[in-house]
Protein backbone atom coordinates (compact mmCIF):
# COMPACT_ATOMS: atom_id res chain seq x y z
CA UNK A 1 0.00 0.00 0.00
CA UNK A 2 1.15 3.54 -0.75
CA UNK A 3 2.42 5.35 2.35
CA UNK A 4 0.05 8.26 1.85
CA UNK A 5 -2.90 5.83 1.76
CA UNK A 6 -1.68 4.01 4.85
CA UNK A 7 -1.33 7.30 6.75
CA UNK A 8 -4.82 8.36 5.66
CA UNK A 9 -6.27 5.04 6.87
CA UNK A 10 -4.43 5.49 10.16
CA UNK A 11 -5.89 8.98 10.60
CA UNK A 12 -9.41 7.65 10.02
CA UNK A 13 -8.74 4.90 12.57
CA UNK A 14 -7.61 7.47 15.17
CA UNK A 15 -10.68 9.62 14.55
CA UNK A 16 -13.37 6.95 14.23
CA UNK A 17 -12.18 4.12 16.48
CA UNK A 18 -9.85 5.80 18.98
CA UNK A 19 -12.01 8.90 19.26
CA UNK A 20 -9.11 11.34 19.14
CA UNK A 21 -9.71 14.99 18.33
CA UNK A 22 -8.83 16.33 14.85
CA UNK A 23 -6.10 18.48 16.41
CA UNK A 24 -4.49 15.49 18.14
CA UNK A 25 -4.62 13.53 14.89
CA UNK A 26 -2.95 16.47 13.16
CA UNK A 27 -0.10 16.26 15.68
CA UNK A 28 0.27 12.53 14.95
CA UNK A 29 0.40 13.29 11.24
CA UNK A 30 3.10 15.94 11.73
CA UNK A 31 5.23 13.42 13.66
CA UNK A 32 4.83 10.89 10.84
CA UNK A 33 5.87 13.50 8.27
CA UNK A 34 9.08 14.04 10.22
CA UNK A 35 9.63 10.30 10.37
CA UNK A 36 9.31 9.80 6.60
CA UNK A 37 11.36 12.93 5.90
CA UNK A 38 14.24 11.17 7.65
CA UNK A 39 14.40 8.65 4.80
CA UNK A 40 13.81 10.97 1.86
CA UNK A 41 12.25 9.09 -1.09
CA UNK A 42 13.21 5.65 0.19
CA UNK A 43 9.82 4.87 1.76
CA UNK A 44 6.98 5.06 -0.77
CA UNK A 45 4.98 1.94 0.15
CA UNK A 46 4.46 -0.09 3.32
CA UNK A 47 6.65 -2.82 1.79
CA UNK A 48 9.61 -0.42 2.11
CA UNK A 49 9.26 -0.15 5.89
CA UNK A 50 11.68 -1.91 8.22
CA UNK A 51 11.63 -2.41 11.97
CA UNK A 52 15.07 -0.81 12.12
CA UNK A 53 13.57 2.40 10.73
CA UNK A 54 12.25 3.17 14.21
CA UNK A 55 15.72 2.82 15.66
CA UNK A 56 17.22 5.02 12.93
CA UNK A 57 14.56 7.68 13.54
CA UNK A 58 15.22 7.61 17.29
CA UNK A 59 18.98 7.96 16.76
CA UNK A 60 18.50 10.92 14.40
CA UNK A 61 16.14 12.71 16.75
CA UNK A 62 18.55 12.18 19.65
CA UNK A 63 21.56 13.36 17.62
CA UNK A 64 19.74 16.60 16.74
CA UNK A 65 19.46 17.47 20.41
CA UNK A 66 15.67 17.32 20.59
CA UNK A 67 14.03 17.69 23.98
CA UNK A 68 13.44 14.39 25.76
CA UNK A 69 9.66 14.88 25.84
CA UNK A 70 9.64 15.61 22.10
CA UNK A 71 11.67 12.48 21.29
CA UNK A 72 9.40 10.30 23.45
CA UNK A 73 6.25 11.70 21.81
CA UNK A 74 7.53 11.29 18.25
CA UNK A 75 8.76 7.78 18.96
CA UNK A 76 5.39 6.85 20.46
CA UNK A 77 3.46 8.33 17.50
CA UNK A 78 5.57 6.45 14.97
CA UNK A 79 5.52 3.17 16.87
CA UNK A 80 1.72 3.32 17.15
CA UNK A 81 1.54 3.75 13.37
CA UNK A 82 3.65 0.61 12.89
CA UNK A 83 1.42 -1.30 15.34
CA UNK A 84 -1.60 -0.21 13.30
CA UNK A 85 0.05 -1.53 10.13
CA UNK A 86 0.73 -4.84 11.90
CA UNK A 87 -2.94 -5.22 12.83
CA UNK A 88 -3.89 -4.47 9.23
CA UNK A 89 -1.46 -7.10 7.96
CA UNK A 90 0.67 -4.48 6.18
CA UNK A 91 3.81 -4.92 8.26
CA UNK A 92 5.18 -8.34 9.20
CA UNK A 93 8.42 -7.58 11.03
CA UNK A 94 8.86 -7.55 14.79
CA UNK A 95 9.28 -4.05 16.18
CA UNK A 96 12.56 -3.31 17.97
CA UNK A 97 12.59 -2.57 21.68
CA UNK A 98 13.83 0.97 22.14
CA UNK A 99 14.56 2.28 25.61
CA UNK A 100 13.20 5.83 25.60
CA UNK A 101 15.35 8.53 27.19
CA UNK A 102 14.46 9.38 30.77
CA UNK A 103 12.80 12.69 31.35
CA UNK A 104 15.17 15.01 33.11
CA UNK A 105 13.95 16.84 36.18
CA UNK A 106 13.80 20.53 35.41
CA UNK A 107 12.15 23.74 36.49
CA UNK A 108 9.80 25.03 33.80
CA UNK A 109 10.63 28.35 32.19
CA UNK A 110 8.66 31.18 33.74
CA UNK A 111 8.18 34.83 32.81
CA UNK A 112 7.99 37.76 35.17
CA UNK A 113 4.71 39.66 35.40
CA UNK A 114 6.30 42.49 33.37
CA UNK A 115 7.42 40.08 30.65
CA UNK A 116 3.94 38.58 30.45
CA UNK A 117 2.50 42.07 30.01
CA UNK A 118 4.97 42.77 27.19
CA UNK A 119 4.11 39.47 25.51
CA UNK A 120 0.36 40.09 25.76
CA UNK A 121 0.80 43.53 24.22
CA UNK A 122 2.89 42.22 21.29
CA UNK A 123 0.08 41.28 18.81
CA UNK A 124 -1.01 44.01 16.41
CA UNK A 125 -4.59 44.85 17.39
CA UNK A 126 -5.12 46.59 14.06
CA UNK A 127 -5.08 43.19 12.34
CA UNK A 128 -7.57 40.31 12.57
CA UNK A 129 -4.93 37.72 13.40
CA UNK A 130 -3.50 40.07 16.03
CA UNK A 131 -6.90 40.31 17.75
CA UNK A 132 -7.21 36.51 17.63
CA UNK A 133 -3.69 35.96 18.97
CA UNK A 134 -4.18 38.49 21.78
CA UNK A 135 -7.34 36.66 22.82
CA UNK A 136 -5.51 33.32 22.79
CA UNK A 137 -2.59 34.63 24.85
CA UNK A 138 -4.91 36.32 27.34
CA UNK A 139 -7.05 33.19 27.79
CA UNK A 140 -4.02 30.95 28.19
CA UNK A 141 -2.40 33.14 30.83
CA UNK A 142 -5.69 33.81 32.65
CA UNK A 143 -6.67 30.14 32.88
CA UNK A 144 -3.48 28.08 32.67
CA UNK A 145 -4.78 25.90 29.84
CA UNK A 146 -2.54 23.45 28.04
CA UNK A 147 -1.85 24.30 24.40
CA UNK A 148 -3.97 21.37 23.20
CA UNK A 149 -6.83 22.46 25.48
CA UNK A 150 -6.70 26.02 24.18
CA UNK A 151 -6.67 25.00 20.52
CA UNK A 152 -9.47 22.46 20.96
CA UNK A 153 -11.82 24.89 22.72
CA UNK A 154 -15.25 24.95 21.13
CA UNK A 155 -17.68 27.84 21.04
CA UNK A 156 -20.06 26.42 23.63
CA UNK A 157 -17.39 25.81 26.26
CA UNK A 158 -17.00 29.45 27.31
CA UNK A 159 -19.56 30.82 29.77
CA UNK A 160 -19.11 34.60 29.61
CA UNK A 161 -21.75 35.27 32.26
CA UNK A 162 -20.08 33.09 34.91
CA UNK A 163 -16.50 33.52 33.70
CA UNK A 164 -15.97 29.78 33.34
CA UNK A 165 -14.31 27.68 30.64
CA UNK A 166 -15.13 23.98 30.45
CA UNK A 167 -12.07 22.05 29.36
CA UNK A 168 -11.51 18.49 28.17
CA UNK A 169 -8.03 17.65 29.46
CA UNK A 170 -5.80 14.61 29.50
CA UNK A 171 -7.63 11.30 29.60
CA UNK A 172 -10.81 13.07 28.40
CA UNK A 173 -11.33 14.42 31.92
CA UNK A 174 -13.56 17.47 32.15
CA UNK A 175 -12.81 20.41 34.42
CA UNK A 176 -14.18 23.91 34.84
CA UNK A 177 -11.64 26.71 34.95
CA UNK A 178 -12.30 30.34 35.95
CA UNK A 179 -11.08 33.00 33.53
CA UNK A 180 -10.65 36.70 34.24
CA UNK A 181 -12.52 39.68 32.83
CA UNK A 182 -9.58 40.95 30.76
CA UNK A 183 -9.30 37.65 28.88
CA UNK A 184 -13.06 37.50 28.35
CA UNK A 185 -13.10 41.04 26.92
CA UNK A 186 -10.43 40.19 24.34
CA UNK A 187 -12.15 36.90 23.58
CA UNK A 188 -15.47 38.68 23.08
CA UNK A 189 -13.80 41.17 20.74
CA UNK A 190 -12.31 38.33 18.69
CA UNK A 191 -15.62 36.47 18.44
CA UNK A 192 -17.70 39.49 17.40
CA UNK A 193 -15.21 41.53 15.35
CA UNK A 194 -13.12 38.83 13.68
CA UNK A 195 -14.56 35.34 13.94
CA UNK A 196 -18.03 36.44 12.83
CA UNK A 197 -16.47 37.34 9.44
CA UNK A 198 -14.34 34.23 9.14
CA UNK A 199 -15.20 31.84 6.26
CA UNK A 200 -15.28 29.02 8.82
CA UNK A 201 -17.55 30.82 11.29
CA UNK A 202 -19.77 27.72 11.51
CA UNK A 203 -16.75 25.61 12.58
CA UNK A 204 -17.17 24.32 16.13
CA UNK A 205 -13.60 25.24 17.10
CA UNK A 206 -13.17 28.66 18.63
CA UNK A 207 -9.82 29.75 17.21
CA UNK A 208 -9.47 29.61 13.43
CA UNK A 209 -6.98 30.64 10.77
CA UNK A 210 -7.95 33.01 7.96
CA UNK A 211 -9.20 30.06 5.89
CA UNK A 212 -11.63 28.88 8.56
CA UNK A 213 -9.58 25.92 9.78
CA UNK A 214 -8.51 25.20 13.38
CA UNK A 215 -4.99 26.24 14.28
CA UNK A 216 -2.20 23.70 14.72
CA UNK A 217 0.07 23.53 17.74
CA UNK A 218 3.09 24.20 15.52
CA UNK A 219 1.53 27.40 14.15
CA UNK A 220 0.77 28.79 17.61
CA UNK A 221 4.23 27.78 18.85
CA UNK A 222 5.86 29.86 16.10
CA UNK A 223 3.52 32.80 16.77
CA UNK A 224 4.49 32.89 20.45
CA UNK A 225 8.17 32.81 19.45
CA UNK A 226 7.61 35.79 17.13
CA UNK A 227 5.80 37.76 19.81
CA UNK A 228 8.54 37.00 22.34
CA UNK A 229 11.12 38.51 19.98
CA UNK A 230 8.88 41.54 19.40
CA UNK A 231 8.46 41.95 23.16
CA UNK A 232 12.22 41.83 23.70
CA UNK A 233 12.11 38.60 25.70
CA UNK A 234 15.51 36.98 25.28
CA UNK A 235 14.85 33.63 26.97
CA UNK A 236 13.48 30.78 24.87
CA UNK A 237 9.76 30.37 25.49
CA UNK A 238 6.81 28.41 24.13
CA UNK A 239 3.02 28.61 24.59
CA UNK A 240 3.43 26.34 27.61
CA UNK A 241 5.51 29.07 29.29
CA UNK A 242 2.29 31.01 29.85
CA UNK A 243 0.81 28.02 31.70
CA UNK A 244 3.94 27.83 33.87
CA UNK A 245 3.81 31.58 34.52
CA UNK A 246 0.10 31.39 35.40
CA UNK A 247 0.74 28.75 38.07
CA UNK A 248 3.84 30.42 39.49
CA UNK A 249 2.26 33.86 39.74
CA UNK A 250 -0.80 32.42 41.48
CA UNK A 251 1.34 30.71 44.12
CA UNK A 252 3.48 33.81 44.58
CA UNK A 253 0.32 35.76 45.33
CA UNK A 254 -0.94 33.35 47.98
CA UNK A 255 -3.11 30.88 46.06
CA UNK A 256 -3.51 27.46 47.67
CA UNK A 257 -1.56 24.63 46.06
CA UNK A 258 -4.63 22.39 45.87
CA UNK A 259 -6.64 25.06 44.04
CA UNK A 260 -3.85 25.58 41.50
CA UNK A 261 -3.67 21.80 41.02
CA UNK A 262 -7.39 21.68 40.17
CA UNK A 263 -7.15 24.59 37.75
CA UNK A 264 -4.19 23.05 35.95
CA UNK A 265 -5.85 19.63 35.80
CA UNK A 266 -2.95 17.80 37.47
CA UNK A 267 -3.84 14.33 38.76
CA UNK A 268 -0.90 14.27 41.15
CA UNK A 269 -0.26 17.27 43.39
CA UNK A 270 3.47 16.52 43.19
CA UNK A 271 3.32 17.76 39.59
CA UNK A 272 1.97 21.08 40.81
CA UNK A 273 4.53 21.36 43.61
CA UNK A 274 7.30 22.03 41.09
CA UNK A 275 5.92 25.56 40.81
CA UNK A 276 6.55 26.16 44.50
CA UNK A 277 10.23 25.53 43.75
CA UNK A 278 10.12 28.20 41.04
CA UNK A 279 8.51 30.65 43.44
CA UNK A 280 11.08 29.91 46.13
CA UNK A 281 13.91 30.24 43.64
CA UNK A 282 12.68 33.64 42.50
CA UNK A 283 12.16 34.87 46.06
CA UNK A 284 15.67 33.76 47.05
CA UNK A 285 17.09 35.40 43.95
CA UNK A 286 15.42 38.68 44.90
CA UNK A 287 16.70 38.30 48.46
CA UNK A 288 20.25 37.71 47.24
CA UNK A 289 20.06 40.80 45.06
CA UNK A 290 18.75 42.85 47.98
CA UNK A 291 21.54 41.57 50.26
CA UNK A 292 24.25 42.51 47.75
CA UNK A 293 22.87 46.04 47.46
CA UNK A 294 22.84 46.68 51.21
């Protein structure tokens, strides 16, 4: 079978049988594109695939210095595709056992309140995509949503009257997250001034590109990078940095750890506790600076 046909069948399987969202399936497809790009024109049909291809892909990703979480995700996406082909009788070889790299313990990148303000002000509000992007940044920082949760928001999940967003998080678990007035104002402006004129205004997803299609994670990632440069933020950031900043700033201002855990949708409170380390680190840094100036 042609590779493009096999990938299309796999996408339909993920949508229809696994029940994954279109945005998640798009992420799977992007990972597979990277996998096949590794081999150039050598893989045109499923008969060209080898079990060792997974190992070669893993080695290349590792040699390029990719983040551990990225390598693990791409390896998982590709392996699941091969398992699908096995079930369909399109791949006969045994898959190699690859020991994934261990996730390194690290403190997430976090912006100061001033840096967040600069980032939020970076989009050009004279342009439709600037209004959309400002709304997305405001909602993400005001609610601590994951990137996937933000991009998969549907129109009916925002309650403007109560200031609540209903989110479908990891494991299809639902949670209700409060969102502030500032974010709701920018979101309302986007919906009424921009989205209402979008060719895909009947699309169930809230945030759309100019062609009426939902945005991809890669697109939003690049946008945040561009706005960081415009805002003069030198550290490397991603959309997830706003989630980290949201949690850290809440804890620094006296929010209870358990409440932050619920808003972030963490199953284990130990995952949330990492933000207390960031807060402590920043407080100690400020104390050290104060001591040196005395």
